[in-house]
């Protein structure tokens, strides 16, 4: 097996008996090295002492009185955020358990970047035995925002941060994508993965600089469907079958889940019979039909019926998936 996503922090955790990731002091230590809480030249002595103490003991209790002694109120607020997140992780015991608490609603304020990091780490665990690089690249949609381009008749997904940071020389057909988004042109390789070249992903997995074609019947779309299945199996012990579909043709449409905010709004409108403009319909990036293998786990009105899933981009051609939607909006019986 080849390694991938070293930046996920998989080496900092342990796999528990149930297959979920146990929270470790090594993982918590990584959060105390983040730039938001790392001292800088102007940091006060109290801040430096606090940071050094947490590096020595990542689990050290920190009371409000100590935070109040920090000279910079913004730094104190950053520490409160990380300390609250630490408490959430410790009380849940596992990364997956903590993520489910966030998905289902928690009083703890968790920065979005921390949530994305959790998904990154969870998927590194879920996909640890995967040998297909296309599936790994498709999984990046779960935790990294994408820019969508229909240039050249294709449906190309490129990492938003990488495109905005570096741009492209245009050699891979992404010049139009960058022109549409106003991104400065620089020289960087952004290769479109195919069945012929996908092995390049292994050496570049932490660079997030490969592109996938998400058109119907392309390998990336099917690879993404397999990740959706694995996500539900791992997080909810739920066996499903997910199939990409070019459109929803169902006179008895019972249930749907938008995998992002845009898709939720569009699918809701379609389901309710409200008019949806051509521009909004054109923003749908992908549709899927899902079947739960064990009908006993779903509510009566969905028994024997498919569940439709959708992804859609914003008017600015951005795609930001919300994987928690798949966990909290399934039509399951309470007992399940």
Protein backbone atom coordinates (compact mmCIF):
# COMPACT_ATOMS: atom_id res chain seq x y z
CA UNK A 1 0.00 0.00 0.00
CA UNK A 2 1.19 3.52 -0.80
CA UNK A 3 0.91 6.34 1.70
CA UNK A 4 -1.20 9.42 1.03
CA UNK A 5 -2.53 12.52 2.81
CA UNK A 6 0.31 12.73 5.31
CA UNK A 7 -1.03 16.15 6.26
CA UNK A 8 -4.19 14.53 7.67
CA UNK A 9 -2.39 13.61 10.90
CA UNK A 10 -3.18 9.90 10.69
CA UNK A 11 0.17 9.16 12.36
CA UNK A 12 -0.97 11.10 15.45
CA UNK A 13 -3.97 8.90 16.30
CA UNK A 14 -4.71 5.28 17.12
CA UNK A 15 -7.42 3.06 15.66
CA UNK A 16 -9.79 1.71 18.30
CA UNK A 17 -11.39 -1.72 18.38
CA UNK A 18 -14.50 -0.42 16.59
CA UNK A 19 -12.40 1.09 13.81
CA UNK A 20 -12.79 4.72 14.90
CA UNK A 21 -9.87 7.03 15.66
CA UNK A 22 -8.94 7.53 19.30
CA UNK A 23 -8.00 11.02 20.45
CA UNK A 24 -4.37 11.05 21.62
CA UNK A 25 -2.10 13.59 23.35
CA UNK A 26 -0.02 13.65 20.16
CA UNK A 27 -3.03 14.85 18.17
CA UNK A 28 -3.90 17.50 20.74
CA UNK A 29 -0.28 18.67 20.75
CA UNK A 30 -0.59 19.45 17.04
CA UNK A 31 -3.31 21.99 17.79
CA UNK A 32 -1.05 23.85 20.22
CA UNK A 33 1.47 24.32 17.42
CA UNK A 34 -1.06 26.02 15.14
CA UNK A 35 -0.27 29.65 14.16
CA UNK A 36 -3.43 30.94 15.87
CA UNK A 37 -1.97 30.11 19.29
CA UNK A 38 1.76 30.00 18.62
CA UNK A 39 3.57 32.94 20.30
CA UNK A 40 5.02 35.70 18.15
CA UNK A 41 7.57 38.42 18.84
CA UNK A 42 5.06 40.66 20.58
CA UNK A 43 3.61 37.90 22.78
CA UNK A 44 3.59 38.61 26.49
CA UNK A 45 5.51 36.47 29.00
CA UNK A 46 2.31 34.92 30.33
CA UNK A 47 1.33 33.77 26.85
CA UNK A 48 4.74 32.23 26.25
CA UNK A 49 4.61 30.38 29.60
CA UNK A 50 1.10 29.09 28.86
CA UNK A 51 2.12 27.86 25.43
CA UNK A 52 5.23 26.12 26.74
CA UNK A 53 3.19 24.44 29.48
CA UNK A 54 0.65 23.12 26.94
CA UNK A 55 3.42 21.81 24.71
CA UNK A 56 4.75 19.89 27.72
CA UNK A 57 1.26 18.66 28.67
CA UNK A 58 -1.38 19.00 25.91
CA UNK A 59 -4.07 17.90 28.39
CA UNK A 60 -3.20 20.50 31.04
CA UNK A 61 -6.27 22.24 32.51
CA UNK A 62 -6.42 25.97 31.76
CA UNK A 63 -8.84 28.12 33.76
CA UNK A 64 -10.39 31.43 32.77
CA UNK A 65 -8.25 33.33 35.25
CA UNK A 66 -5.10 32.30 33.42
CA UNK A 67 -6.54 33.30 30.05
CA UNK A 68 -7.54 36.67 31.50
CA UNK A 69 -3.88 37.36 32.25
CA UNK A 70 -2.96 37.26 28.56
CA UNK A 71 -2.19 40.73 27.24
CA UNK A 72 -3.88 40.22 23.86
CA UNK A 73 -7.66 39.62 24.09
CA UNK A 74 -7.71 38.09 20.58
CA UNK A 75 -5.08 35.55 21.59
CA UNK A 76 -7.12 34.69 24.68
CA UNK A 77 -10.17 34.11 22.46
CA UNK A 78 -8.13 31.83 20.20
CA UNK A 79 -7.09 29.79 23.21
CA UNK A 80 -10.71 29.54 24.34
CA UNK A 81 -11.69 28.14 20.93
CA UNK A 82 -8.94 25.53 20.92
CA UNK A 83 -9.59 24.60 24.57
CA UNK A 84 -13.31 24.13 23.87
CA UNK A 85 -12.47 22.01 20.84
CA UNK A 86 -10.05 19.98 22.97
CA UNK A 87 -12.81 19.38 25.51
CA UNK A 88 -15.15 18.21 22.75
CA UNK A 89 -12.55 15.76 21.43
CA UNK A 90 -11.71 14.43 24.88
CA UNK A 91 -15.33 13.97 25.94
CA UNK A 92 -16.18 12.16 22.69
CA UNK A 93 -13.04 10.03 22.84
CA UNK A 94 -12.88 9.55 19.06
CA UNK A 95 -12.62 11.85 16.07
CA UNK A 96 -15.70 10.28 14.51
CA UNK A 97 -17.71 10.64 17.72
CA UNK A 98 -16.74 14.30 18.04
CA UNK A 99 -17.66 14.95 14.42
CA UNK A 100 -21.08 13.37 14.88
CA UNK A 101 -21.69 15.66 17.86
CA UNK A 102 -20.84 18.67 15.70
CA UNK A 103 -23.05 17.43 12.87
CA UNK A 104 -26.01 16.89 15.18
CA UNK A 105 -25.56 20.20 16.95
CA UNK A 106 -23.33 21.20 19.84
CA UNK A 107 -22.93 24.31 21.98
CA UNK A 108 -19.21 24.28 21.22
CA UNK A 109 -18.06 26.74 18.55
CA UNK A 110 -15.77 24.83 16.21
CA UNK A 111 -13.88 26.77 13.51
CA UNK A 112 -14.75 25.45 10.02
CA UNK A 113 -11.09 24.70 9.33
CA UNK A 114 -11.07 22.32 12.32
CA UNK A 115 -14.19 20.56 11.01
CA UNK A 116 -12.58 20.13 7.58
CA UNK A 117 -9.47 18.72 9.25
CA UNK A 118 -11.60 16.19 11.12
CA UNK A 119 -13.23 15.04 7.87
CA UNK A 120 -9.80 14.82 6.24
CA UNK A 121 -8.54 12.61 9.07
CA UNK A 122 -11.68 10.45 9.19
CA UNK A 123 -11.50 9.82 5.45
CA UNK A 124 -7.81 8.96 5.73
CA UNK A 125 -8.96 6.23 8.10
CA UNK A 126 -11.91 5.12 5.96
CA UNK A 127 -9.86 4.95 2.76
CA UNK A 128 -6.64 3.55 4.23
CA UNK A 129 -6.85 0.39 2.13
CA UNK A 130 -8.03 2.02 -1.10
CA UNK A 131 -5.79 1.41 -4.08
CA UNK A 132 -7.57 3.63 -6.61
CA UNK A 133 -6.18 7.21 -6.70
CA UNK A 134 -9.32 8.42 -8.45
CA UNK A 135 -11.35 7.56 -5.37
CA UNK A 136 -8.94 9.46 -3.14
CA UNK A 137 -9.09 12.56 -5.35
CA UNK A 138 -12.89 12.38 -5.43
CA UNK A 139 -12.87 12.20 -1.62
CA UNK A 140 -11.17 15.60 -1.47
CA UNK A 141 -14.59 17.14 -2.17
CA UNK A 142 -15.58 16.20 1.39
CA UNK A 143 -13.09 18.60 2.97
CA UNK A 144 -11.71 20.97 0.32
CA UNK A 145 -13.68 23.56 -1.63
CA UNK A 146 -13.59 23.20 -5.41
CA UNK A 147 -13.80 25.54 -8.38
CA UNK A 148 -15.96 24.23 -11.21
CA UNK A 149 -15.34 24.84 -14.90
CA UNK A 150 -17.31 23.66 -17.92
CA UNK A 151 -14.56 24.77 -20.28
CA UNK A 152 -14.12 22.55 -23.33
CA UNK A 153 -17.35 20.65 -22.73
CA UNK A 154 -15.99 19.02 -19.61
CA UNK A 155 -17.00 19.45 -15.96
CA UNK A 156 -13.68 20.07 -14.25
CA UNK A 157 -13.22 20.29 -10.49
CA UNK A 158 -10.03 21.93 -9.24
CA UNK A 159 -9.02 22.75 -5.68
CA UNK A 160 -10.14 26.30 -4.91
CA UNK A 161 -7.20 27.17 -2.68
CA UNK A 162 -4.63 25.86 -5.14
CA UNK A 163 -6.21 27.60 -8.12
CA UNK A 164 -6.45 30.89 -6.28
CA UNK A 165 -2.93 30.59 -4.92
CA UNK A 166 -1.06 29.53 -8.01
CA UNK A 167 -3.14 29.75 -11.16
CA UNK A 168 -2.19 27.77 -14.21
CA UNK A 169 -0.01 28.04 -17.28
CA UNK A 170 -3.02 26.94 -19.35
CA UNK A 171 -1.30 23.79 -20.57
CA UNK A 172 -3.94 21.51 -19.06
CA UNK A 173 -6.95 23.33 -20.49
CA UNK A 174 -7.68 25.30 -17.32
CA UNK A 175 -6.86 28.74 -18.68
CA UNK A 176 -10.54 29.52 -19.18
CA UNK A 177 -11.33 28.40 -15.64
CA UNK A 178 -8.79 30.85 -14.26
CA UNK A 179 -9.95 33.64 -16.54
CA UNK A 180 -13.54 33.18 -15.34
CA UNK A 181 -12.51 33.36 -11.70
CA UNK A 182 -10.12 36.25 -12.14
CA UNK A 183 -7.17 34.22 -10.89
CA UNK A 184 -3.69 35.50 -11.78
CA UNK A 185 -1.90 33.24 -14.22
CA UNK A 186 1.18 31.58 -12.80
CA UNK A 187 3.08 28.47 -13.73
CA UNK A 188 1.92 25.39 -11.86
CA UNK A 189 0.94 21.93 -13.01
CA UNK A 190 -2.74 21.09 -12.69
CA UNK A 191 -3.20 17.72 -14.34
CA UNK A 192 -6.61 16.26 -15.10
CA UNK A 193 -6.64 12.73 -13.70
CA UNK A 194 -7.62 9.94 -16.04
CA UNK A 195 -7.37 6.16 -16.01
CA UNK A 196 -4.08 6.52 -17.90
CA UNK A 197 -2.27 8.95 -15.59
CA UNK A 198 -3.97 8.60 -12.19
CA UNK A 199 -0.88 7.04 -10.56
CA UNK A 200 0.64 10.55 -10.42
CA UNK A 201 -1.74 11.22 -7.53
CA UNK A 202 0.29 9.22 -5.02
CA UNK A 203 3.24 11.61 -5.02
CA UNK A 204 1.02 14.69 -5.14
CA UNK A 205 -1.79 13.78 -2.75
CA UNK A 206 -0.84 16.48 -0.22
CA UNK A 207 -0.45 19.13 -2.90
CA UNK A 208 -4.14 18.96 -3.90
CA UNK A 209 -3.17 20.06 -7.39
CA UNK A 210 -4.89 17.44 -9.55
CA UNK A 211 -8.19 17.97 -11.35
CA UNK A 212 -11.08 15.59 -12.04
CA UNK A 213 -13.70 15.49 -14.77
CA UNK A 214 -17.04 15.08 -12.99
CA UNK A 215 -19.26 14.46 -16.00
CA UNK A 216 -21.78 11.63 -15.92
CA UNK A 217 -20.19 8.24 -16.74
CA UNK A 218 -16.69 9.56 -16.00
CA UNK A 219 -14.61 7.51 -13.51
CA UNK A 220 -14.43 10.33 -10.95
CA UNK A 221 -18.20 10.43 -10.49
CA UNK A 222 -18.39 6.71 -9.81
CA UNK A 223 -15.39 7.00 -7.48
CA UNK A 224 -17.20 9.71 -5.50
CA UNK A 225 -20.25 7.44 -5.20
CA UNK A 226 -18.06 4.77 -3.63
CA UNK A 227 -16.76 7.29 -1.09
CA UNK A 228 -20.34 8.22 -0.16
CA UNK A 229 -21.04 4.55 0.50
CA UNK A 230 -17.91 4.15 2.61
CA UNK A 231 -18.70 7.32 4.58
CA UNK A 232 -22.13 6.04 5.64
CA UNK A 233 -20.81 2.55 6.38
CA UNK A 234 -18.06 3.90 8.63
CA UNK A 235 -19.98 6.67 10.40
CA UNK A 236 -23.40 5.05 10.75
CA UNK A 237 -22.82 1.34 10.06
CA UNK A 238 -25.30 1.77 7.21
CA UNK A 239 -24.95 -0.21 3.99
CA UNK A 240 -26.12 1.67 0.92
CA UNK A 241 -25.67 1.56 -2.83
CA UNK A 242 -25.10 4.88 -4.60
CA UNK A 243 -25.45 5.28 -8.37
CA UNK A 244 -24.70 8.44 -10.38
CA UNK A 245 -27.71 9.58 -12.41
CA UNK A 246 -27.97 12.15 -15.23
CA UNK A 247 -31.33 13.44 -13.92
CA UNK A 248 -34.13 12.67 -11.48
CA UNK A 249 -37.04 11.03 -13.27
CA UNK A 250 -39.38 9.82 -10.58
CA UNK A 251 -43.13 10.42 -10.36
CA UNK A 252 -43.06 9.12 -6.79
CA UNK A 253 -40.11 11.09 -5.41
CA UNK A 254 -40.09 10.53 -1.64
CA UNK A 255 -36.77 11.79 -0.21
CA UNK A 256 -33.68 13.74 -1.17
CA UNK A 257 -30.55 15.13 0.49
CA UNK A 258 -28.59 18.08 -0.77
CA UNK A 259 -24.88 17.49 -0.17
CA UNK A 260 -24.30 21.24 0.02
CA UNK A 261 -26.36 24.38 0.60
CA UNK A 262 -26.91 25.13 -3.08
CA UNK A 263 -28.10 21.62 -3.94
CA UNK A 264 -30.42 21.61 -0.92
CA UNK A 265 -32.17 24.75 -2.13
CA UNK A 266 -32.49 23.56 -5.73
CA UNK A 267 -33.70 20.04 -4.83
CA UNK A 268 -36.18 21.43 -2.29
CA UNK A 269 -37.66 23.69 -4.95
CA UNK A 270 -37.91 20.86 -7.49
CA UNK A 271 -39.50 18.55 -4.94
CA UNK A 272 -42.07 21.17 -3.97
CA UNK A 273 -42.93 21.82 -7.62
CA UNK A 274 -41.68 25.40 -7.56
CA UNK A 275 -40.27 26.93 -10.75
CA UNK A 276 -36.51 26.56 -11.05
CA UNK A 277 -34.72 28.66 -13.63
CA UNK A 278 -32.38 27.26 -16.25
CA UNK A 279 -29.42 29.02 -14.64
CA UNK A 280 -30.09 27.29 -11.32
CA UNK A 281 -30.57 23.90 -12.97
CA UNK A 282 -27.26 24.40 -14.77
CA UNK A 283 -25.55 24.74 -11.39
CA UNK A 284 -26.27 21.10 -10.52
CA UNK A 285 -22.91 19.35 -10.69
CA UNK A 286 -23.99 15.78 -9.93
CA UNK A 287 -27.03 13.69 -9.02
CA UNK A 288 -27.14 10.28 -7.36
CA UNK A 289 -29.72 7.64 -6.53
CA UNK A 290 -29.17 5.83 -3.25
CA UNK A 291 -30.76 2.66 -1.91
CA UNK A 292 -30.47 1.54 1.71
CA UNK A 293 -29.83 -2.20 1.66
CA UNK A 294 -31.78 -2.97 4.84
CA UNK A 295 -35.28 -1.50 4.53
CA UNK A 296 -35.91 -2.07 8.22
CA UNK A 297 -33.67 0.87 9.08
CA UNK A 298 -35.66 3.51 7.14
CA UNK A 299 -39.00 5.14 7.85
CA UNK A 300 -42.09 3.62 6.26
CA UNK A 301 -42.61 6.23 3.53
CA UNK A 302 -39.12 5.56 2.12
CA UNK A 303 -39.25 1.75 2.23
CA UNK A 304 -38.38 0.37 -1.18
CA UNK A 305 -37.86 3.86 -2.58
CA UNK A 306 -34.64 5.59 -3.65
CA UNK A 307 -33.10 8.56 -1.89
CA UNK A 308 -31.77 11.20 -4.26
CA UNK A 309 -28.56 13.10 -3.58
CA UNK A 310 -27.28 16.22 -5.27
CA UNK A 311 -24.24 18.47 -5.53
CA UNK A 312 -24.44 22.00 -6.92
CA UNK A 313 -22.10 24.94 -7.36
CA UNK A 314 -22.68 28.54 -6.38
CA UNK A 315 -23.26 31.23 -9.02
CA UNK A 316 -19.54 31.97 -8.58
CA UNK A 317 -18.66 28.38 -9.65
CA UNK A 318 -17.66 27.23 -6.17
CA UNK A 319 -18.54 23.82 -4.73
CA UNK A 320 -18.43 23.36 -0.96
CA UNK A 321 -19.73 19.99 0.16
CA UNK A 322 -21.26 19.51 3.62
CA UNK A 323 -20.71 15.80 4.40
CA UNK A 324 -22.60 16.18 7.67
CA UNK A 325 -25.81 16.53 5.63
CA UNK A 326 -25.60 12.87 4.72
CA UNK A 327 -25.41 11.91 8.40
CA UNK A 328 -28.22 14.03 9.81
CA UNK A 329 -30.77 13.95 6.99
CA UNK A 330 -31.10 10.21 6.37
CA UNK A 331 -34.74 9.00 6.76
CA UNK A 332 -33.90 6.49 9.45
CA UNK A 333 -36.00 5.00 12.19
CA UNK A 334 -35.13 6.29 15.66
CA UNK A 335 -34.01 2.84 16.77
CA UNK A 336 -31.56 2.64 13.88
